[in-house]
Amino acid sequence: PSLYLIKYDGFDCVYGLELHKDER
């Protein structure tokens, strides 16, 4: 549940990020 799938504007890959945990 920490991992989210995101579609960023202008980028056609789907990204997987732990939005609330990733220090970046």
mmCIF file of all heavy atoms, coordinates in Angstrom:
data_MODEL
# 
_entry.id   MODEL 
# 
loop_
_atom_site.group_PDB 
_atom_site.id 
_atom_site.type_symbol 
_atom_site.label_atom_id 
_atom_site.label_alt_id 
_atom_site.label_comp_id 
_atom_site.label_asym_id 
_atom_site.label_entity_id 
_atom_site.label_seq_id 
_atom_site.pdbx_PDB_ins_code 
_atom_site.Cartn_x 
_atom_site.Cartn_y 
_atom_site.Cartn_z 
_atom_site.occupancy 
_atom_site.B_iso_or_equiv 
_atom_site.pdbx_formal_charge 
_atom_site.auth_seq_id 
_atom_site.auth_comp_id 
_atom_site.auth_asym_id 
_atom_site.auth_atom_id 
_atom_site.pdbx_PDB_model_num 
ATOM 1   N N   . PRO A 1 1  ? 0.786  -1.233 0.000   1.00 0.00 ? 1  PRO A N   1 
ATOM 2   C CA  . PRO A 1 1  ? 0.000  0.000  0.000   1.00 0.00 ? 1  PRO A CA  1 
ATOM 3   C C   . PRO A 1 1  ? 0.821  1.288  0.000   1.00 0.00 ? 1  PRO A C   1 
ATOM 4   O O   . PRO A 1 1  ? 0.292  2.360  -0.285  1.00 0.00 ? 1  PRO A O   1 
ATOM 5   C CB  . PRO A 1 1  ? -0.832 -0.119 1.287   1.00 0.00 ? 1  PRO A CB  1 
ATOM 6   C CG  . PRO A 1 1  ? -0.890 -1.591 1.566   1.00 0.00 ? 1  PRO A CG  1 
ATOM 7   C CD  . PRO A 1 1  ? 0.431  -2.117 1.128   1.00 0.00 ? 1  PRO A CD  1 
ATOM 8   N N   . SER A 1 2  ? 2.103  1.196  0.315   1.00 0.00 ? 2  SER A N   1 
ATOM 9   C CA  . SER A 1 2  ? 2.960  2.380  0.245   1.00 0.00 ? 2  SER A CA  1 
ATOM 10  C C   . SER A 1 2  ? 3.284  2.770  -1.195  1.00 0.00 ? 2  SER A C   1 
ATOM 11  O O   . SER A 1 2  ? 3.701  3.895  -1.462  1.00 0.00 ? 2  SER A O   1 
ATOM 12  C CB  . SER A 1 2  ? 4.278  2.131  0.992   1.00 0.00 ? 2  SER A CB  1 
ATOM 13  O OG  . SER A 1 2  ? 4.059  1.913  2.367   1.00 0.00 ? 2  SER A OG  1 
ATOM 14  N N   . LEU A 1 3  ? 3.091  1.825  -2.108  1.00 0.00 ? 3  LEU A N   1 
ATOM 15  C CA  . LEU A 1 3  ? 3.489  2.015  -3.500  1.00 0.00 ? 3  LEU A CA  1 
ATOM 16  C C   . LEU A 1 3  ? 2.317  2.509  -4.347  1.00 0.00 ? 3  LEU A C   1 
ATOM 17  O O   . LEU A 1 3  ? 1.236  1.930  -4.328  1.00 0.00 ? 3  LEU A O   1 
ATOM 18  C CB  . LEU A 1 3  ? 4.008  0.689  -4.068  1.00 0.00 ? 3  LEU A CB  1 
ATOM 19  C CG  . LEU A 1 3  ? 4.527  0.704  -5.502  1.00 0.00 ? 3  LEU A CG  1 
ATOM 20  C CD1 . LEU A 1 3  ? 5.789  1.560  -5.615  1.00 0.00 ? 3  LEU A CD1 1 
ATOM 21  C CD2 . LEU A 1 3  ? 4.812  -0.721 -5.975  1.00 0.00 ? 3  LEU A CD2 1 
ATOM 22  N N   . TYR A 1 4  ? 2.561  3.576  -5.089  1.00 0.00 ? 4  TYR A N   1 
ATOM 23  C CA  . TYR A 1 4  ? 1.544  4.142  -5.981  1.00 0.00 ? 4  TYR A CA  1 
ATOM 24  C C   . TYR A 1 4  ? 2.027  4.069  -7.425  1.00 0.00 ? 4  TYR A C   1 
ATOM 25  O O   . TYR A 1 4  ? 3.223  4.189  -7.704  1.00 0.00 ? 4  TYR A O   1 
ATOM 26  C CB  . TYR A 1 4  ? 1.272  5.608  -5.627  1.00 0.00 ? 4  TYR A CB  1 
ATOM 27  C CG  . TYR A 1 4  ? 0.611  5.811  -4.281  1.00 0.00 ? 4  TYR A CG  1 
ATOM 28  C CD1 . TYR A 1 4  ? 1.377  5.920  -3.122  1.00 0.00 ? 4  TYR A CD1 1 
ATOM 29  C CD2 . TYR A 1 4  ? -0.776 5.881  -4.167  1.00 0.00 ? 4  TYR A CD2 1 
ATOM 30  C CE1 . TYR A 1 4  ? 0.775  6.104  -1.886  1.00 0.00 ? 4  TYR A CE1 1 
ATOM 31  C CE2 . TYR A 1 4  ? -1.381 6.060  -2.930  1.00 0.00 ? 4  TYR A CE2 1 
ATOM 32  C CZ  . TYR A 1 4  ? -0.604 6.171  -1.789  1.00 0.00 ? 4  TYR A CZ  1 
ATOM 33  O OH  . TYR A 1 4  ? -1.202 6.355  -0.567  1.00 0.00 ? 4  TYR A OH  1 
ATOM 34  N N   . LEU A 1 5  ? 1.076  3.897  -8.338  1.00 0.00 ? 5  LEU A N   1 
ATOM 35  C CA  . LEU A 1 5  ? 1.367  3.968  -9.763  1.00 0.00 ? 5  LEU A CA  1 
ATOM 36  C C   . LEU A 1 5  ? 0.964  5.349  -10.245 1.00 0.00 ? 5  LEU A C   1 
ATOM 37  O O   . LEU A 1 5  ? -0.159 5.802  -9.995  1.00 0.00 ? 5  LEU A O   1 
ATOM 38  C CB  . LEU A 1 5  ? 0.612  2.887  -10.534 1.00 0.00 ? 5  LEU A CB  1 
ATOM 39  C CG  . LEU A 1 5  ? 0.872  1.441  -10.102 1.00 0.00 ? 5  LEU A CG  1 
ATOM 40  C CD1 . LEU A 1 5  ? 0.170  0.470  -11.047 1.00 0.00 ? 5  LEU A CD1 1 
ATOM 41  C CD2 . LEU A 1 5  ? 2.366  1.132  -10.032 1.00 0.00 ? 5  LEU A CD2 1 
ATOM 42  N N   . ILE A 1 6  ? 1.876  6.026  -10.946 1.00 0.00 ? 6  ILE A N   1 
ATOM 43  C CA  . ILE A 1 6  ? 1.660  7.411  -11.348 1.00 0.00 ? 6  ILE A CA  1 
ATOM 44  C C   . ILE A 1 6  ? 1.946  7.594  -12.824 1.00 0.00 ? 6  ILE A C   1 
ATOM 45  O O   . ILE A 1 6  ? 2.904  7.027  -13.357 1.00 0.00 ? 6  ILE A O   1 
ATOM 46  C CB  . ILE A 1 6  ? 2.580  8.366  -10.548 1.00 0.00 ? 6  ILE A CB  1 
ATOM 47  C CG1 . ILE A 1 6  ? 2.446  8.120  -9.042  1.00 0.00 ? 6  ILE A CG1 1 
ATOM 48  C CG2 . ILE A 1 6  ? 2.257  9.827  -10.859 1.00 0.00 ? 6  ILE A CG2 1 
ATOM 49  C CD1 . ILE A 1 6  ? 3.692  7.592  -8.413  1.00 0.00 ? 6  ILE A CD1 1 
ATOM 50  N N   . LYS A 1 7  ? 1.103  8.381  -13.481 1.00 0.00 ? 7  LYS A N   1 
ATOM 51  C CA  . LYS A 1 7  ? 1.356  8.822  -14.861 1.00 0.00 ? 7  LYS A CA  1 
ATOM 52  C C   . LYS A 1 7  ? 1.746  10.298 -14.790 1.00 0.00 ? 7  LYS A C   1 
ATOM 53  O O   . LYS A 1 7  ? 0.931  11.160 -14.489 1.00 0.00 ? 7  LYS A O   1 
ATOM 54  C CB  . LYS A 1 7  ? 0.095  8.648  -15.711 1.00 0.00 ? 7  LYS A CB  1 
ATOM 55  C CG  . LYS A 1 7  ? 0.109  9.390  -17.060 1.00 0.00 ? 7  LYS A CG  1 
ATOM 56  C CD  . LYS A 1 7  ? 1.082  8.791  -18.023 1.00 0.00 ? 7  LYS A CD  1 
ATOM 57  C CE  . LYS A 1 7  ? 0.907  9.387  -19.436 1.00 0.00 ? 7  LYS A CE  1 
ATOM 58  N NZ  . LYS A 1 7  ? 1.203  10.845 -19.484 1.00 0.00 ? 7  LYS A NZ  1 
ATOM 59  N N   . TYR A 1 8  ? 3.026  10.575 -15.024 1.00 0.00 ? 8  TYR A N   1 
ATOM 60  C CA  . TYR A 1 8  ? 3.507  11.948 -14.989 1.00 0.00 ? 8  TYR A CA  1 
ATOM 61  C C   . TYR A 1 8  ? 3.283  12.637 -16.329 1.00 0.00 ? 8  TYR A C   1 
ATOM 62  O O   . TYR A 1 8  ? 3.381  12.009 -17.393 1.00 0.00 ? 8  TYR A O   1 
ATOM 63  C CB  . TYR A 1 8  ? 4.987  11.984 -14.611 1.00 0.00 ? 8  TYR A CB  1 
ATOM 64  C CG  . TYR A 1 8  ? 5.232  11.691 -13.147 1.00 0.00 ? 8  TYR A CG  1 
ATOM 65  C CD1 . TYR A 1 8  ? 5.720  10.459 -12.736 1.00 0.00 ? 8  TYR A CD1 1 
ATOM 66  C CD2 . TYR A 1 8  ? 4.953  12.646 -12.176 1.00 0.00 ? 8  TYR A CD2 1 
ATOM 67  C CE1 . TYR A 1 8  ? 5.928  10.179 -11.395 1.00 0.00 ? 8  TYR A CE1 1 
ATOM 68  C CE2 . TYR A 1 8  ? 5.146  12.377 -10.829 1.00 0.00 ? 8  TYR A CE2 1 
ATOM 69  C CZ  . TYR A 1 8  ? 5.635  11.147 -10.449 1.00 0.00 ? 8  TYR A CZ  1 
ATOM 70  O OH  . TYR A 1 8  ? 5.833  10.875 -9.113  1.00 0.00 ? 8  TYR A OH  1 
ATOM 71  N N   . ASP A 1 9  ? 2.972  13.914 -16.273 1.00 0.00 ? 9  ASP A N   1 
ATOM 72  C CA  . ASP A 1 9  ? 2.691  14.683 -17.478 1.00 0.00 ? 9  ASP A CA  1 
ATOM 73  C C   . ASP A 1 9  ? 3.905  14.667 -18.414 1.00 0.00 ? 9  ASP A C   1 
ATOM 74  O O   . ASP A 1 9  ? 5.036  14.937 -17.998 1.00 0.00 ? 9  ASP A O   1 
ATOM 75  C CB  . ASP A 1 9  ? 2.358  16.133 -17.129 1.00 0.00 ? 9  ASP A CB  1 
ATOM 76  C CG  . ASP A 1 9  ? 1.112  16.255 -16.259 1.00 0.00 ? 9  ASP A CG  1 
ATOM 77  O OD1 . ASP A 1 9  ? 0.437  15.237 -16.039 1.00 0.00 ? 9  ASP A OD1 1 
ATOM 78  O OD2 . ASP A 1 9  ? 0.827  17.392 -15.811 1.00 0.00 ? 9  ASP A OD2 1 
ATOM 79  N N   . GLY A 1 10 ? 3.663  14.371 -19.690 1.00 0.00 ? 10 GLY A N   1 
ATOM 80  C CA  . GLY A 1 10 ? 4.724  14.382 -20.675 1.00 0.00 ? 10 GLY A CA  1 
ATOM 81  C C   . GLY A 1 10 ? 5.567  13.129 -20.721 1.00 0.00 ? 10 GLY A C   1 
ATOM 82  O O   . GLY A 1 10 ? 6.492  13.038 -21.522 1.00 0.00 ? 10 GLY A O   1 
ATOM 83  N N   . PHE A 1 11 ? 5.281  12.174 -19.841 1.00 0.00 ? 11 PHE A N   1 
ATOM 84  C CA  . PHE A 1 11 ? 6.023  10.922 -19.799 1.00 0.00 ? 11 PHE A CA  1 
ATOM 85  C C   . PHE A 1 11 ? 5.042  9.767  -19.920 1.00 0.00 ? 11 PHE A C   1 
ATOM 86  O O   . PHE A 1 11 ? 4.063  9.704  -19.183 1.00 0.00 ? 11 PHE A O   1 
ATOM 87  C CB  . PHE A 1 11 ? 6.821  10.804 -18.496 1.00 0.00 ? 11 PHE A CB  1 
ATOM 88  C CG  . PHE A 1 11 ? 7.912  11.817 -18.376 1.00 0.00 ? 11 PHE A CG  1 
ATOM 89  C CD1 . PHE A 1 11 ? 7.631  13.104 -17.941 1.00 0.00 ? 11 PHE A CD1 1 
ATOM 90  C CD2 . PHE A 1 11 ? 9.212  11.503 -18.718 1.00 0.00 ? 11 PHE A CD2 1 
ATOM 91  C CE1 . PHE A 1 11 ? 8.628  14.058 -17.838 1.00 0.00 ? 11 PHE A CE1 1 
ATOM 92  C CE2 . PHE A 1 11 ? 10.219 12.452 -18.619 1.00 0.00 ? 11 PHE A CE2 1 
ATOM 93  C CZ  . PHE A 1 11 ? 9.930  13.735 -18.179 1.00 0.00 ? 11 PHE A CZ  1 
ATOM 94  N N   . ASP A 1 12 ? 5.295  8.864  -20.839 1.00 0.00 ? 12 ASP A N   1 
ATOM 95  C CA  . ASP A 1 12 ? 4.311  7.832  -21.154 1.00 0.00 ? 12 ASP A CA  1 
ATOM 96  C C   . ASP A 1 12 ? 4.547  6.509  -20.438 1.00 0.00 ? 12 ASP A C   1 
ATOM 97  O O   . ASP A 1 12 ? 3.769  5.575  -20.607 1.00 0.00 ? 12 ASP A O   1 
ATOM 98  C CB  . ASP A 1 12 ? 4.258  7.609  -22.670 1.00 0.00 ? 12 ASP A CB  1 
ATOM 99  C CG  . ASP A 1 12 ? 3.700  8.833  -23.386 1.00 0.00 ? 12 ASP A CG  1 
ATOM 100 O OD1 . ASP A 1 12 ? 2.852  9.533  -22.802 1.00 0.00 ? 12 ASP A OD1 1 
ATOM 101 O OD2 . ASP A 1 12 ? 4.126  9.101  -24.506 1.00 0.00 ? 12 ASP A OD2 1 
ATOM 102 N N   . CYS A 1 13 ? 5.616  6.409  -19.652 1.00 0.00 ? 13 CYS A N   1 
ATOM 103 C CA  . CYS A 1 13 ? 5.772  5.250  -18.783 1.00 0.00 ? 13 CYS A CA  1 
ATOM 104 C C   . CYS A 1 13 ? 4.912  5.432  -17.536 1.00 0.00 ? 13 CYS A C   1 
ATOM 105 O O   . CYS A 1 13 ? 4.606  6.550  -17.140 1.00 0.00 ? 13 CYS A O   1 
ATOM 106 C CB  . CYS A 1 13 ? 7.218  5.090  -18.338 1.00 0.00 ? 13 CYS A CB  1 
ATOM 107 S SG  . CYS A 1 13 ? 8.308  4.466  -19.597 1.00 0.00 ? 13 CYS A SG  1 
ATOM 108 N N   . VAL A 1 14 ? 4.558  4.322  -16.940 1.00 0.00 ? 14 VAL A N   1 
ATOM 109 C CA  . VAL A 1 14 ? 3.908  4.345  -15.630 1.00 0.00 ? 14 VAL A CA  1 
ATOM 110 C C   . VAL A 1 14 ? 5.007  4.142  -14.588 1.00 0.00 ? 14 VAL A C   1 
ATOM 111 O O   . VAL A 1 14 ? 5.847  3.251  -14.732 1.00 0.00 ? 14 VAL A O   1 
ATOM 112 C CB  . VAL A 1 14 ? 2.858  3.227  -15.513 1.00 0.00 ? 14 VAL A CB  1 
ATOM 113 C CG1 . VAL A 1 14 ? 2.261  3.185  -14.115 1.00 0.00 ? 14 VAL A CG1 1 
ATOM 114 C CG2 . VAL A 1 14 ? 1.766  3.430  -16.558 1.00 0.00 ? 14 VAL A CG2 1 
ATOM 115 N N   . TYR A 1 15 ? 4.996  4.969  -13.549 1.00 0.00 ? 15 TYR A N   1 
ATOM 116 C CA  . TYR A 1 15 ? 6.022  4.905  -12.531 1.00 0.00 ? 15 TYR A CA  1 
ATOM 117 C C   . TYR A 1 15 ? 5.461  4.350  -11.223 1.00 0.00 ? 15 TYR A C   1 
ATOM 118 O O   . TYR A 1 15 ? 4.311  4.614  -10.880 1.00 0.00 ? 15 TYR A O   1 
ATOM 119 C CB  . TYR A 1 15 ? 6.624  6.290  -12.280 1.00 0.00 ? 15 TYR A CB  1 
ATOM 120 C CG  . TYR A 1 15 ? 7.394  6.777  -13.481 1.00 0.00 ? 15 TYR A CG  1 
ATOM 121 C CD1 . TYR A 1 15 ? 6.752  7.451  -14.518 1.00 0.00 ? 15 TYR A CD1 1 
ATOM 122 C CD2 . TYR A 1 15 ? 8.749  6.516  -13.596 1.00 0.00 ? 15 TYR A CD2 1 
ATOM 123 C CE1 . TYR A 1 15 ? 7.451  7.858  -15.641 1.00 0.00 ? 15 TYR A CE1 1 
ATOM 124 C CE2 . TYR A 1 15 ? 9.454  6.926  -14.711 1.00 0.00 ? 15 TYR A CE2 1 
ATOM 125 C CZ  . TYR A 1 15 ? 8.812  7.594  -15.736 1.00 0.00 ? 15 TYR A CZ  1 
ATOM 126 O OH  . TYR A 1 15 ? 9.498  7.986  -16.842 1.00 0.00 ? 15 TYR A OH  1 
ATOM 127 N N   . GLY A 1 16 ? 6.305  3.628  -10.497 1.00 0.00 ? 16 GLY A N   1 
ATOM 128 C CA  . GLY A 1 16 ? 5.938  3.108  -9.192  1.00 0.00 ? 16 GLY A CA  1 
ATOM 129 C C   . GLY A 1 16 ? 6.793  3.766  -8.123  1.00 0.00 ? 16 GLY A C   1 
ATOM 130 O O   . GLY A 1 16 ? 8.019  3.574  -8.109  1.00 0.00 ? 16 GLY A O   1 
ATOM 131 N N   . LEU A 1 17 ? 6.176  4.547  -7.247  1.00 0.00 ? 17 LEU A N   1 
ATOM 132 C CA  . LEU A 1 17 ? 6.914  5.250  -6.201  1.00 0.00 ? 17 LEU A CA  1 
ATOM 133 C C   . LEU A 1 17 ? 6.190  5.149  -4.862  1.00 0.00 ? 17 LEU A C   1 
ATOM 134 O O   . LEU A 1 17 ? 4.954  5.190  -4.821  1.00 0.00 ? 17 LEU A O   1 
ATOM 135 C CB  . LEU A 1 17 ? 7.072  6.735  -6.551  1.00 0.00 ? 17 LEU A CB  1 
ATOM 136 C CG  . LEU A 1 17 ? 8.074  7.087  -7.651  1.00 0.00 ? 17 LEU A CG  1 
ATOM 137 C CD1 . LEU A 1 17 ? 7.951  8.556  -8.006  1.00 0.00 ? 17 LEU A CD1 1 
ATOM 138 C CD2 . LEU A 1 17 ? 9.495  6.756  -7.214  1.00 0.00 ? 17 LEU A CD2 1 
ATOM 139 N N   . GLU A 1 18 ? 6.949  5.035  -3.808  1.00 0.00 ? 18 GLU A N   1 
ATOM 140 C CA  . GLU A 1 18 ? 6.396  5.131  -2.460  1.00 0.00 ? 18 GLU A CA  1 
ATOM 141 C C   . GLU A 1 18 ? 6.383  6.614  -2.099  1.00 0.00 ? 18 GLU A C   1 
ATOM 142 O O   . GLU A 1 18 ? 7.314  7.133  -1.487  1.00 0.00 ? 18 GLU A O   1 
ATOM 143 C CB  . GLU A 1 18 ? 7.225  4.296  -1.489  1.00 0.00 ? 18 GLU A CB  1 
ATOM 144 C CG  . GLU A 1 18 ? 7.148  2.798  -1.792  1.00 0.00 ? 18 GLU A CG  1 
ATOM 145 C CD  . GLU A 1 18 ? 7.816  1.951  -0.720  1.00 0.00 ? 18 GLU A CD  1 
ATOM 146 O OE1 . GLU A 1 18 ? 8.670  2.475  0.016   1.00 0.00 ? 18 GLU A OE1 1 
ATOM 147 O OE2 . GLU A 1 18 ? 7.461  0.759  -0.605  1.00 0.00 ? 18 GLU A OE2 1 
ATOM 148 N N   . LEU A 1 19 ? 5.325  7.291  -2.503  1.00 0.00 ? 19 LEU A N   1 
ATOM 149 C CA  . LEU A 1 19 ? 5.277  8.752  -2.462  1.00 0.00 ? 19 LEU A CA  1 
ATOM 150 C C   . LEU A 1 19 ? 5.485  9.326  -1.070  1.00 0.00 ? 19 LEU A C   1 
ATOM 151 O O   . LEU A 1 19 ? 6.040  10.415 -0.912  1.00 0.00 ? 19 LEU A O   1 
ATOM 152 C CB  . LEU A 1 19 ? 3.945  9.245  -3.029  1.00 0.00 ? 19 LEU A CB  1 
ATOM 153 C CG  . LEU A 1 19 ? 3.753  9.080  -4.537  1.00 0.00 ? 19 LEU A CG  1 
ATOM 154 C CD1 . LEU A 1 19 ? 2.322  9.430  -4.930  1.00 0.00 ? 19 LEU A CD1 1 
ATOM 155 C CD2 . LEU A 1 19 ? 4.744  9.941  -5.310  1.00 0.00 ? 19 LEU A CD2 1 
ATOM 156 N N   . HIS A 1 20 ? 5.020  8.616  -0.034  1.00 0.00 ? 20 HIS A N   1 
ATOM 157 C CA  . HIS A 1 20 ? 5.125  9.132  1.329   1.00 0.00 ? 20 HIS A CA  1 
ATOM 158 C C   . HIS A 1 20 ? 6.387  8.669  2.054   1.00 0.00 ? 20 HIS A C   1 
ATOM 159 O O   . HIS A 1 20 ? 6.630  9.089  3.191   1.00 0.00 ? 20 HIS A O   1 
ATOM 160 C CB  . HIS A 1 20 ? 3.896  8.711  2.148   1.00 0.00 ? 20 HIS A CB  1 
ATOM 161 C CG  . HIS A 1 20 ? 2.606  9.232  1.597   1.00 0.00 ? 20 HIS A CG  1 
ATOM 162 N ND1 . HIS A 1 20 ? 2.378  10.566 1.356   1.00 0.00 ? 20 HIS A ND1 1 
ATOM 163 C CD2 . HIS A 1 20 ? 1.463  8.589  1.239   1.00 0.00 ? 20 HIS A CD2 1 
ATOM 164 C CE1 . HIS A 1 20 ? 1.151  10.731 0.884   1.00 0.00 ? 20 HIS A CE1 1 
ATOM 165 N NE2 . HIS A 1 20 ? 0.588  9.538  0.795   1.00 0.00 ? 20 HIS A NE2 1 
ATOM 166 N N   . LYS A 1 21 ? 7.177  7.807  1.421   1.00 0.00 ? 21 LYS A N   1 
ATOM 167 C CA  . LYS A 1 21 ? 8.373  7.276  2.070   1.00 0.00 ? 21 LYS A CA  1 
ATOM 168 C C   . LYS A 1 21 ? 9.665  7.622  1.337   1.00 0.00 ? 21 LYS A C   1 
ATOM 169 O O   . LYS A 1 21 ? 10.728 7.683  1.955   1.00 0.00 ? 21 LYS A O   1 
ATOM 170 C CB  . LYS A 1 21 ? 8.272  5.747  2.196   1.00 0.00 ? 21 LYS A CB  1 
ATOM 171 C CG  . LYS A 1 21 ? 7.237  5.257  3.185   1.00 0.00 ? 21 LYS A CG  1 
ATOM 172 C CD  . LYS A 1 21 ? 7.330  3.744  3.316   1.00 0.00 ? 21 LYS A CD  1 
ATOM 173 C CE  . LYS A 1 21 ? 6.372  3.222  4.386   1.00 0.00 ? 21 LYS A CE  1 
ATOM 174 N NZ  . LYS A 1 21 ? 6.499  1.752  4.541   1.00 0.00 ? 21 LYS A NZ  1 
ATOM 175 N N   . ASP A 1 22 ? 9.579  7.806  0.036   1.00 0.00 ? 22 ASP A N   1 
ATOM 176 C CA  . ASP A 1 22 ? 10.774 8.019  -0.767  1.00 0.00 ? 22 ASP A CA  1 
ATOM 177 C C   . ASP A 1 22 ? 11.375 9.393  -0.459  1.00 0.00 ? 22 ASP A C   1 
ATOM 178 O O   . ASP A 1 22 ? 10.735 10.421 -0.645  1.00 0.00 ? 22 ASP A O   1 
ATOM 179 C CB  . ASP A 1 22 ? 10.424 7.917  -2.252  1.00 0.00 ? 22 ASP A CB  1 
ATOM 180 C CG  . ASP A 1 22 ? 11.642 7.695  -3.126  1.00 0.00 ? 22 ASP A CG  1 
ATOM 181 O OD1 . ASP A 1 22 ? 12.663 8.381  -2.898  1.00 0.00 ? 22 ASP A OD1 1 
ATOM 182 O OD2 . ASP A 1 22 ? 11.570 6.857  -4.036  1.00 0.00 ? 22 ASP A OD2 1 
ATOM 183 N N   . GLU A 1 23 ? 12.619 9.406  0.004   1.00 0.00 ? 23 GLU A N   1 
ATOM 184 C CA  . GLU A 1 23 ? 13.269 10.656 0.385   1.00 0.00 ? 23 GLU A CA  1 
ATOM 185 C C   . GLU A 1 23 ? 13.511 11.576 -0.802  1.00 0.00 ? 23 GLU A C   1 
ATOM 186 O O   . GLU A 1 23 ? 13.744 12.774 -0.631  1.00 0.00 ? 23 GLU A O   1 
ATOM 187 C CB  . GLU A 1 23 ? 14.601 10.353 1.094   1.00 0.00 ? 23 GLU A CB  1 
ATOM 188 C CG  . GLU A 1 23 ? 14.414 9.693  2.450   1.00 0.00 ? 23 GLU A CG  1 
ATOM 189 C CD  . GLU A 1 23 ? 15.744 9.459  3.142   1.00 0.00 ? 23 GLU A CD  1 
ATOM 190 O OE1 . GLU A 1 23 ? 16.792 9.503  2.447   1.00 0.00 ? 23 GLU A OE1 1 
ATOM 191 O OE2 . GLU A 1 23 ? 15.745 9.242  4.363   1.00 0.00 ? 23 GLU A OE2 1 
ATOM 192 N N   . ARG A 1 24 ? 13.464 11.022 -2.008  1.00 0.00 ? 24 ARG A N   1 
ATOM 193 C CA  . ARG A 1 24 ? 13.662 11.857 -3.197  1.00 0.00 ? 24 ARG A CA  1 
ATOM 194 C C   . ARG A 1 24 ? 12.409 12.640 -3.558  1.00 0.00 ? 24 ARG A C   1 
ATOM 195 O O   . ARG A 1 24 ? 12.462 13.584 -4.345  1.00 0.00 ? 24 ARG A O   1 
ATOM 196 C CB  . ARG A 1 24 ? 14.097 10.969 -4.374  1.00 0.00 ? 24 ARG A CB  1 
ATOM 197 C CG  . ARG A 1 24 ? 15.429 10.273 -4.127  1.00 0.00 ? 24 ARG A CG  1 
ATOM 198 C CD  . ARG A 1 24 ? 15.658 9.146  -5.115  1.00 0.00 ? 24 ARG A CD  1 
ATOM 199 N NE  . ARG A 1 24 ? 14.678 8.075  -4.963  1.00 0.00 ? 24 ARG A NE  1 
ATOM 200 C CZ  . ARG A 1 24 ? 14.692 6.949  -5.664  1.00 0.00 ? 24 ARG A CZ  1 
ATOM 201 N NH1 . ARG A 1 24 ? 15.660 6.737  -6.554  1.00 0.00 ? 24 ARG A NH1 1 
ATOM 202 N NH2 . ARG A 1 24 ? 13.776 6.022  -5.471  1.00 0.00 ? 24 ARG A NH2 1 
# 
